[in-house]
Amino acid sequence: MYAVVERLAPASAKGRYLAVYGTSWGIAGIATPLLWTQLLEHAGPAGLWSAMALACLLLAVLQPALVRYVTSRGDDDQRHSTPAKLS
């Protein structure tokens, strides 16, 4: 995943992008259990499992789009970084 973040970042901001990515995992590690336990308390087990299934479905739908975007961006970077041949 760090390679994906590195590919998405502009050359001058790679360090900042990676720092934000790492920090977001720390925040998620604290916030997620708090949010899911509140959902469990208020919506019950069925609500919790339904929300988790919806989140997984959403991420599964978005994953191919992210892969296409990162792959096309990497191809663009390679085209711009290789010198053009003069014929």
PDB file of N, CA and C in Angstrom:
ATOM      1  N   MET A   1       0.811  -1.181   0.000  1.00  0.00           N
ATOM      2  CA  MET A   1       0.000   0.000   0.000  1.00  0.00           C
ATOM      3  C   MET A   1       0.866   1.260   0.000  1.00  0.00           C
ATOM      4  N   TYR A   2       2.015   1.175   0.620  1.00  0.00           N
ATOM      5  CA  TYR A   2       2.901   2.340   0.617  1.00  0.00           C
ATOM      6  C   TYR A   2       3.331   2.690  -0.806  1.00  0.00           C
ATOM      7  N   ALA A   3       3.479   1.695  -1.653  1.00  0.00           N
ATOM      8  CA  ALA A   3       3.842   1.952  -3.055  1.00  0.00           C
ATOM      9  C   ALA A   3       2.722   2.694  -3.774  1.00  0.00           C
ATOM     10  N   VAL A   4       1.472   2.378  -3.447  1.00  0.00           N
ATOM     11  CA  VAL A   4       0.334   3.076  -4.057  1.00  0.00           C
ATOM     12  C   VAL A   4       0.339   4.531  -3.630  1.00  0.00           C
ATOM     13  N   VAL A   5       0.535   4.774  -2.345  1.00  0.00           N
ATOM     14  CA  VAL A   5       0.579   6.157  -1.846  1.00  0.00           C
ATOM     15  C   VAL A   5       1.729   6.909  -2.501  1.00  0.00           C
ATOM     16  N   GLU A   6       2.868   6.256  -2.637  1.00  0.00           N
ATOM     17  CA  GLU A   6       4.028   6.890  -3.259  1.00  0.00           C
ATOM     18  C   GLU A   6       3.744   7.235  -4.713  1.00  0.00           C
ATOM     19  N   ARG A   7       3.030   6.365  -5.420  1.00  0.00           N
ATOM     20  CA  ARG A   7       2.699   6.644  -6.827  1.00  0.00           C
ATOM     21  C   ARG A   7       1.689   7.778  -6.964  1.00  0.00           C
ATOM     22  N   LEU A   8       0.781   7.905  -6.011  1.00  0.00           N
ATOM     23  CA  LEU A   8      -0.235   8.953  -6.078  1.00  0.00           C
ATOM     24  C   LEU A   8       0.327  10.329  -5.741  1.00  0.00           C
ATOM     25  N   ALA A   9       1.399  10.358  -4.966  1.00  0.00           N
ATOM     26  CA  ALA A   9       1.951  11.629  -4.487  1.00  0.00           C
ATOM     27  C   ALA A   9       2.779  12.320  -5.560  1.00  0.00           C
ATOM     28  N   PRO A  10       2.680  13.652  -5.624  1.00  0.00           N
ATOM     29  CA  PRO A  10       3.602  14.388  -6.485  1.00  0.00           C
ATOM     30  C   PRO A  10       5.028  14.244  -5.948  1.00  0.00           C
ATOM     31  N   ALA A  11       5.995  14.383  -6.804  1.00  0.00           N
ATOM     32  CA  ALA A  11       7.395  14.172  -6.419  1.00  0.00           C
ATOM     33  C   ALA A  11       7.811  15.042  -5.232  1.00  0.00           C
ATOM     34  N   SER A  12       7.303  16.253  -5.160  1.00  0.00           N
ATOM     35  CA  SER A  12       7.726  17.169  -4.094  1.00  0.00           C
ATOM     36  C   SER A  12       7.007  16.928  -2.771  1.00  0.00           C
ATOM     37  N   ALA A  13       6.015  16.026  -2.743  1.00  0.00           N
ATOM     38  CA  ALA A  13       5.221  15.846  -1.524  1.00  0.00           C
ATOM     39  C   ALA A  13       5.132  14.399  -1.063  1.00  0.00           C
ATOM     40  N   LYS A  14       6.017  13.552  -1.526  1.00  0.00           N
ATOM     41  CA  LYS A  14       5.943  12.133  -1.178  1.00  0.00           C
ATOM     42  C   LYS A  14       6.034  11.904   0.333  1.00  0.00           C
ATOM     43  N   GLY A  15       6.914  12.601   1.001  1.00  0.00           N
ATOM     44  CA  GLY A  15       7.066  12.459   2.447  1.00  0.00           C
ATOM     45  C   GLY A  15       5.803  12.841   3.193  1.00  0.00           C
ATOM     46  N   ARG A  16       5.192  13.939   2.792  1.00  0.00           N
ATOM     47  CA  ARG A  16       3.955  14.377   3.440  1.00  0.00           C
ATOM     48  C   ARG A  16       2.824  13.372   3.219  1.00  0.00           C
ATOM     49  N   TYR A  17       2.701  12.865   1.995  1.00  0.00           N
ATOM     50  CA  TYR A  17       1.654  11.889   1.688  1.00  0.00           C
ATOM     51  C   TYR A  17       1.828  10.634   2.541  1.00  0.00           C
ATOM     52  N   LEU A  18       3.071  10.149   2.638  1.00  0.00           N
ATOM     53  CA  LEU A  18       3.318   8.948   3.424  1.00  0.00           C
ATOM     54  C   LEU A  18       3.086   9.196   4.920  1.00  0.00           C
ATOM     55  N   ALA A  19       3.412  10.384   5.399  1.00  0.00           N
ATOM     56  CA  ALA A  19       3.172  10.720   6.809  1.00  0.00           C
ATOM     57  C   ALA A  19       1.679  10.763   7.112  1.00  0.00           C
ATOM     58  N   VAL A  20       0.902  11.369   6.234  1.00  0.00           N
ATOM     59  CA  VAL A  20      -0.548  11.431   6.437  1.00  0.00           C
ATOM     60  C   VAL A  20      -1.148  10.027   6.381  1.00  0.00           C
ATOM     61  N   TYR A  21      -0.657   9.214   5.449  1.00  0.00           N
ATOM     62  CA  TYR A  21      -1.147   7.837   5.347  1.00  0.00           C
ATOM     63  C   TYR A  21      -0.874   7.067   6.636  1.00  0.00           C
ATOM     64  N   GLY A  22       0.329   7.159   7.149  1.00  0.00           N
ATOM     65  CA  GLY A  22       0.667   6.465   8.386  1.00  0.00           C
ATOM     66  C   GLY A  22      -0.128   6.972   9.572  1.00  0.00           C
ATOM     67  N   THR A  23      -0.314   8.275   9.657  1.00  0.00           N
ATOM     68  CA  THR A  23      -1.091   8.863  10.745  1.00  0.00           C
ATOM     69  C   THR A  23      -2.546   8.437  10.672  1.00  0.00           C
ATOM     70  N   SER A  24      -3.070   8.329   9.466  1.00  0.00           N
ATOM     71  CA  SER A  24      -4.478   7.937   9.320  1.00  0.00           C
ATOM     72  C   SER A  24      -4.719   6.530   9.855  1.00  0.00           C
ATOM     73  N   TRP A  25      -3.726   5.640   9.739  1.00  0.00           N
ATOM     74  CA  TRP A  25      -3.879   4.307  10.319  1.00  0.00           C
ATOM     75  C   TRP A  25      -3.938   4.376  11.840  1.00  0.00           C
ATOM     76  N   GLY A  26      -3.176   5.261  12.446  1.00  0.00           N
ATOM     77  CA  GLY A  26      -3.224   5.427  13.891  1.00  0.00           C
ATOM     78  C   GLY A  26      -4.566   5.957  14.358  1.00  0.00           C
ATOM     79  N   ILE A  27      -5.085   6.943  13.644  1.00  0.00           N
ATOM     80  CA  ILE A  27      -6.400   7.500  13.987  1.00  0.00           C
ATOM     81  C   ILE A  27      -7.478   6.445  13.808  1.00  0.00           C
ATOM     82  N   ALA A  28      -7.410   5.693  12.714  1.00  0.00           N
ATOM     83  CA  ALA A  28      -8.401   4.639  12.463  1.00  0.00           C
ATOM     84  C   ALA A  28      -8.345   3.561  13.537  1.00  0.00           C
ATOM     85  N   GLY A  29      -7.147   3.268  14.023  1.00  0.00           N
ATOM     86  CA  GLY A  29      -7.007   2.259  15.066  1.00  0.00           C
ATOM     87  C   GLY A  29      -7.667   2.647  16.371  1.00  0.00           C
ATOM     88  N   ILE A  30      -7.824   3.942  16.587  1.00  0.00           N
ATOM     89  CA  ILE A  30      -8.492   4.422  17.803  1.00  0.00           C
ATOM     90  C   ILE A  30      -9.978   4.658  17.542  1.00  0.00           C
ATOM     91  N   ALA A  31     -10.315   5.288  16.425  1.00  0.00           N
ATOM     92  CA  ALA A  31     -11.690   5.677  16.158  1.00  0.00           C
ATOM     93  C   ALA A  31     -12.597   4.500  15.791  1.00  0.00           C
ATOM     94  N   THR A  32     -12.079   3.539  15.054  1.00  0.00           N
ATOM     95  CA  THR A  32     -12.923   2.453  14.573  1.00  0.00           C
ATOM     96  C   THR A  32     -13.549   1.635  15.696  1.00  0.00           C
ATOM     97  N   PRO A  33     -12.791   1.173  16.683  1.00  0.00           N
ATOM     98  CA  PRO A  33     -13.453   0.422  17.758  1.00  0.00           C
ATOM     99  C   PRO A  33     -14.514   1.248  18.497  1.00  0.00           C
ATOM    100  N   LEU A  34     -14.247   2.533  18.663  1.00  0.00           N
ATOM    101  CA  LEU A  34     -15.233   3.386  19.330  1.00  0.00           C
ATOM    102  C   LEU A  34     -16.523   3.495  18.513  1.00  0.00           C
ATOM    103  N   LEU A  35     -16.376   3.702  17.206  1.00  0.00           N
ATOM    104  CA  LEU A  35     -17.553   3.841  16.348  1.00  0.00           C
ATOM    105  C   LEU A  35     -18.334   2.539  16.230  1.00  0.00           C
ATOM    106  N   TRP A  36     -17.613   1.430  16.027  1.00  0.00           N
ATOM    107  CA  TRP A  36     -18.311   0.150  15.849  1.00  0.00           C
ATOM    108  C   TRP A  36     -18.992  -0.297  17.134  1.00  0.00           C
ATOM    109  N   THR A  37     -18.409  -0.028  18.307  1.00  0.00           N
ATOM    110  CA  THR A  37     -19.087  -0.417  19.551  1.00  0.00           C
ATOM    111  C   THR A  37     -20.328   0.442  19.780  1.00  0.00           C
ATOM    112  N   GLN A  38     -20.274   1.710  19.393  1.00  0.00           N
ATOM    113  CA  GLN A  38     -21.475   2.548  19.482  1.00  0.00           C
ATOM    114  C   GLN A  38     -22.566   2.040  18.540  1.00  0.00           C
ATOM    115  N   LEU A  39     -22.169   1.642  17.336  1.00  0.00           N
ATOM    116  CA  LEU A  39     -23.134   1.086  16.386  1.00  0.00           C
ATOM    117  C   LEU A  39     -23.719  -0.209  16.937  1.00  0.00           C
ATOM    118  N   LEU A  40     -22.904  -1.042  17.539  1.00  0.00           N
ATOM    119  CA  LEU A  40     -23.382  -2.289  18.132  1.00  0.00           C
ATOM    120  C   LEU A  40     -24.380  -2.007  19.247  1.00  0.00           C
ATOM    121  N   GLU A  41     -24.093  -1.018  20.063  1.00  0.00           N
ATOM    122  CA  GLU A  41     -24.983  -0.682  21.177  1.00  0.00           C
ATOM    123  C   GLU A  41     -26.321  -0.152  20.684  1.00  0.00           C
ATOM    124  N   HIS A  42     -26.303   0.700  19.655  1.00  0.00           N
ATOM    125  CA  HIS A  42     -27.530   1.358  19.207  1.00  0.00           C
ATOM    126  C   HIS A  42     -28.291   0.579  18.140  1.00  0.00           C
ATOM    127  N   ALA A  43     -27.609  -0.150  17.277  1.00  0.00           N
ATOM    128  CA  ALA A  43     -28.292  -0.850  16.184  1.00  0.00           C
ATOM    129  C   ALA A  43     -28.334  -2.359  16.397  1.00  0.00           C
ATOM    130  N   GLY A  44     -27.584  -2.867  17.362  1.00  0.00           N
ATOM    131  CA  GLY A  44     -27.585  -4.298  17.622  1.00  0.00           C
ATOM    132  C   GLY A  44     -26.664  -5.047  16.670  1.00  0.00           C
ATOM    133  N   PRO A  45     -26.549  -6.352  16.887  1.00  0.00           N
ATOM    134  CA  PRO A  45     -25.662  -7.157  16.052  1.00  0.00           C
ATOM    135  C   PRO A  45     -26.043  -7.140  14.560  1.00  0.00           C
ATOM    136  N   ALA A  46     -27.329  -7.160  14.262  1.00  0.00           N
ATOM    137  CA  ALA A  46     -27.754  -7.149  12.854  1.00  0.00           C
ATOM    138  C   ALA A  46     -27.339  -5.841  12.173  1.00  0.00           C
ATOM    139  N   GLY A  47     -27.480  -4.730  12.860  1.00  0.00           N
ATOM    140  CA  GLY A  47     -27.069  -3.442  12.302  1.00  0.00           C
ATOM    141  C   GLY A  47     -25.567  -3.364  12.101  1.00  0.00           C
ATOM    142  N   LEU A  48     -24.810  -3.901  13.069  1.00  0.00           N
ATOM    143  CA  LEU A  48     -23.354  -3.904  12.963  1.00  0.00           C
ATOM    144  C   LEU A  48     -22.900  -4.736  11.772  1.00  0.00           C
ATOM    145  N   TRP A  49     -23.422  -5.962  11.657  1.00  0.00           N
ATOM    146  CA  TRP A  49     -23.009  -6.836  10.552  1.00  0.00           C
ATOM    147  C   TRP A  49     -23.469  -6.280   9.211  1.00  0.00           C
ATOM    148  N   SER A  50     -24.630  -5.648   9.168  1.00  0.00           N
ATOM    149  CA  SER A  50     -25.101  -5.038   7.919  1.00  0.00           C
ATOM    150  C   SER A  50     -24.195  -3.880   7.504  1.00  0.00           C
ATOM    151  N   ALA A  51     -23.804  -3.060   8.462  1.00  0.00           N
ATOM    152  CA  ALA A  51     -22.907  -1.938   8.158  1.00  0.00           C
ATOM    153  C   ALA A  51     -21.539  -2.447   7.710  1.00  0.00           C
ATOM    154  N   MET A  52     -21.048  -3.504   8.329  1.00  0.00           N
ATOM    155  CA  MET A  52     -19.755  -4.063   7.930  1.00  0.00           C
ATOM    156  C   MET A  52     -19.836  -4.668   6.527  1.00  0.00           C
ATOM    157  N   ALA A  53     -20.945  -5.350   6.225  1.00  0.00           N
ATOM    158  CA  ALA A  53     -21.121  -5.921   4.888  1.00  0.00           C
ATOM    159  C   ALA A  53     -21.201  -4.816   3.844  1.00  0.00           C
ATOM    160  N   LEU A  54     -21.903  -3.738   4.157  1.00  0.00           N
ATOM    161  CA  LEU A  54     -22.002  -2.606   3.235  1.00  0.00           C
ATOM    162  C   LEU A  54     -20.631  -1.956   3.013  1.00  0.00           C
ATOM    163  N   ALA A  55     -19.869  -1.793   4.076  1.00  0.00           N
ATOM    164  CA  ALA A  55     -18.522  -1.212   3.951  1.00  0.00           C
ATOM    165  C   ALA A  55     -17.625  -2.103   3.080  1.00  0.00           C
ATOM    166  N   CYS A  56     -17.686  -3.408   3.297  1.00  0.00           N
ATOM    167  CA  CYS A  56     -16.878  -4.336   2.482  1.00  0.00           C
ATOM    168  C   CYS A  56     -17.311  -4.303   1.025  1.00  0.00           C
ATOM    169  N   LEU A  57     -18.601  -4.258   0.774  1.00  0.00           N
ATOM    170  CA  LEU A  57     -19.110  -4.197  -0.601  1.00  0.00           C
ATOM    171  C   LEU A  57     -18.663  -2.911  -1.280  1.00  0.00           C
ATOM    172  N   LEU A  58     -18.752  -1.796  -0.580  1.00  0.00           N
ATOM    173  CA  LEU A  58     -18.321  -0.519  -1.125  1.00  0.00           C
ATOM    174  C   LEU A  58     -16.832  -0.534  -1.464  1.00  0.00           C
ATOM    175  N   LEU A  59     -16.023  -1.061  -0.567  1.00  0.00           N
ATOM    176  CA  LEU A  59     -14.579  -1.136  -0.816  1.00  0.00           C
ATOM    177  C   LEU A  59     -14.259  -2.078  -1.973  1.00  0.00           C
ATOM    178  N   ALA A  60     -15.006  -3.179  -2.098  1.00  0.00           N
ATOM    179  CA  ALA A  60     -14.787  -4.110  -3.208  1.00  0.00           C
ATOM    180  C   ALA A  60     -15.136  -3.472  -4.540  1.00  0.00           C
ATOM    181  N   VAL A  61     -16.132  -2.600  -4.557  1.00  0.00           N
ATOM    182  CA  VAL A  61     -16.519  -1.906  -5.785  1.00  0.00           C
ATOM    183  C   VAL A  61     -15.488  -0.836  -6.147  1.00  0.00           C
ATOM    184  N   LEU A  62     -14.954  -0.140  -5.158  1.00  0.00           N
ATOM    185  CA  LEU A  62     -14.009   0.941  -5.408  1.00  0.00           C
ATOM    186  C   LEU A  62     -12.592   0.457  -5.716  1.00  0.00           C
ATOM    187  N   GLN A  63     -12.226  -0.741  -5.277  1.00  0.00           N
ATOM    188  CA  GLN A  63     -10.863  -1.245  -5.455  1.00  0.00           C
ATOM    189  C   GLN A  63     -10.430  -1.282  -6.928  1.00  0.00           C
ATOM    190  N   PRO A  64     -11.213  -1.839  -7.860  1.00  0.00           N
ATOM    191  CA  PRO A  64     -10.768  -1.851  -9.260  1.00  0.00           C
ATOM    192  C   PRO A  64     -10.548  -0.446  -9.832  1.00  0.00           C
ATOM    193  N   ALA A  65     -11.383   0.503  -9.433  1.00  0.00           N
ATOM    194  CA  ALA A  65     -11.211   1.878  -9.914  1.00  0.00           C
ATOM    195  C   ALA A  65      -9.893   2.460  -9.401  1.00  0.00           C
ATOM    196  N   LEU A  66      -9.550   2.190  -8.148  1.00  0.00           N
ATOM    197  CA  LEU A  66      -8.285   2.674  -7.598  1.00  0.00           C
ATOM    198  C   LEU A  66      -7.101   2.041  -8.327  1.00  0.00           C
ATOM    199  N   VAL A  67      -7.192   0.748  -8.599  1.00  0.00           N
ATOM    200  CA  VAL A  67      -6.107   0.062  -9.302  1.00  0.00           C
ATOM    201  C   VAL A  67      -5.929   0.650 -10.699  1.00  0.00           C
ATOM    202  N   ARG A  68      -7.037   0.881 -11.418  1.00  0.00           N
ATOM    203  CA  ARG A  68      -6.942   1.482 -12.752  1.00  0.00           C
ATOM    204  C   ARG A  68      -6.326   2.866 -12.686  1.00  0.00           C
ATOM    205  N   TYR A  69      -6.724   3.660 -11.710  1.00  0.00           N
ATOM    206  CA  TYR A  69      -6.206   5.023 -11.584  1.00  0.00           C
ATOM    207  C   TYR A  69      -4.714   5.015 -11.295  1.00  0.00           C
ATOM    208  N   VAL A  70      -4.289   4.196 -10.339  1.00  0.00           N
ATOM    209  CA  VAL A  70      -2.875   4.151  -9.975  1.00  0.00           C
ATOM    210  C   VAL A  70      -2.043   3.615 -11.135  1.00  0.00           C
ATOM    211  N   THR A  71      -2.556   2.590 -11.813  1.00  0.00           N
ATOM    212  CA  THR A  71      -1.824   2.019 -12.939  1.00  0.00           C
ATOM    213  C   THR A  71      -1.692   3.026 -14.069  1.00  0.00           C
ATOM    214  N   SER A  72      -2.759   3.726 -14.394  1.00  0.00           N
ATOM    215  CA  SER A  72      -2.680   4.712 -15.479  1.00  0.00           C
ATOM    216  C   SER A  72      -1.787   5.878 -15.091  1.00  0.00           C
ATOM    217  N   ARG A  73      -1.807   6.259 -13.837  1.00  0.00           N
ATOM    218  CA  ARG A  73      -0.938   7.348 -13.374  1.00  0.00           C
ATOM    219  C   ARG A  73       0.523   6.934 -13.456  1.00  0.00           C
ATOM    220  N   GLY A  74       0.823   5.693 -13.110  1.00  0.00           N
ATOM    221  CA  GLY A  74       2.189   5.196 -13.208  1.00  0.00           C
ATOM    222  C   GLY A  74       2.658   5.142 -14.650  1.00  0.00           C
ATOM    223  N   ASP A  75       1.762   4.756 -15.561  1.00  0.00           N
ATOM    224  CA  ASP A  75       2.104   4.740 -16.986  1.00  0.00           C
ATOM    225  C   ASP A  75       2.384   6.146 -17.490  1.00  0.00           C
ATOM    226  N   ASP A  76       1.588   7.118 -17.048  1.00  0.00           N
ATOM    227  CA  ASP A  76       1.808   8.515 -17.445  1.00  0.00           C
ATOM    228  C   ASP A  76       3.148   9.019 -16.927  1.00  0.00           C
ATOM    229  N   ASP A  77       3.483   8.664 -15.681  1.00  0.00           N
ATOM    230  CA  ASP A  77       4.763   9.092 -15.107  1.00  0.00           C
ATOM    231  C   ASP A  77       5.934   8.515 -15.889  1.00  0.00           C
ATOM    232  N   GLN A  78       5.826   7.255 -16.304  1.00  0.00           N
ATOM    233  CA  GLN A  78       6.897   6.640 -17.067  1.00  0.00           C
ATOM    234  C   GLN A  78       7.047   7.281 -18.438  1.00  0.00           C
ATOM    235  N   ARG A  79       5.938   7.622 -19.076  1.00  0.00           N
ATOM    236  CA  ARG A  79       6.005   8.269 -20.389  1.00  0.00           C
ATOM    237  C   ARG A  79       6.648   9.631 -20.294  1.00  0.00           C
ATOM    238  N   HIS A  80       6.366  10.369 -19.221  1.00  0.00           N
ATOM    239  CA  HIS A  80       6.927  11.705 -19.079  1.00  0.00           C
ATOM    240  C   HIS A  80       8.387  11.667 -18.619  1.00  0.00           C
ATOM    241  N   SER A  81       8.797  10.572 -17.975  1.00  0.00           N
ATOM    242  CA  SER A  81      10.162  10.527 -17.454  1.00  0.00           C
ATOM    243  C   SER A  81      11.156   9.961 -18.470  1.00  0.00           C
ATOM    244  N   THR A  82      10.675   9.243 -19.501  1.00  0.00           N
ATOM    245  CA  THR A  82      11.591   8.692 -20.494  1.00  0.00           C
ATOM    246  C   THR A  82      11.743   9.683 -21.632  1.00  0.00           C
ATOM    247  N   PRO A  83      12.966   9.921 -22.070  1.00  0.00           N
ATOM    248  CA  PRO A  83      13.169  10.880 -23.148  1.00  0.00           C
ATOM    249  C   PRO A  83      12.599  10.344 -24.456  1.00  0.00           C
ATOM    250  N   ALA A  84      12.062  11.245 -25.232  1.00  0.00           N
ATOM    251  CA  ALA A  84      11.484  10.868 -26.530  1.00  0.00           C
ATOM    252  C   ALA A  84      12.613  10.651 -27.533  1.00  0.00           C
ATOM    253  N   LYS A  85      12.422   9.676 -28.391  1.00  0.00           N
ATOM    254  CA  LYS A  85      13.419   9.418 -29.437  1.00  0.00           C
ATOM    255  C   LYS A  85      13.133  10.305 -30.635  1.00  0.00           C
ATOM    256  N   LEU A  86      14.175  10.837 -31.165  1.00  0.00           N
ATOM    257  CA  LEU A  86      14.041  11.646 -32.380  1.00  0.00           C
ATOM    258  C   LEU A  86      14.277  10.738 -33.579  1.00  0.00           C
ATOM    259  N   SER A  87      13.386  10.802 -34.560  1.00  0.00           N
ATOM    260  CA  SER A  87      13.583   9.959 -35.730  1.00  0.00           C
ATOM    261  C   SER A  87      13.994  10.765 -36.913  1.00  0.00           C
TER     262      SER A  87
END
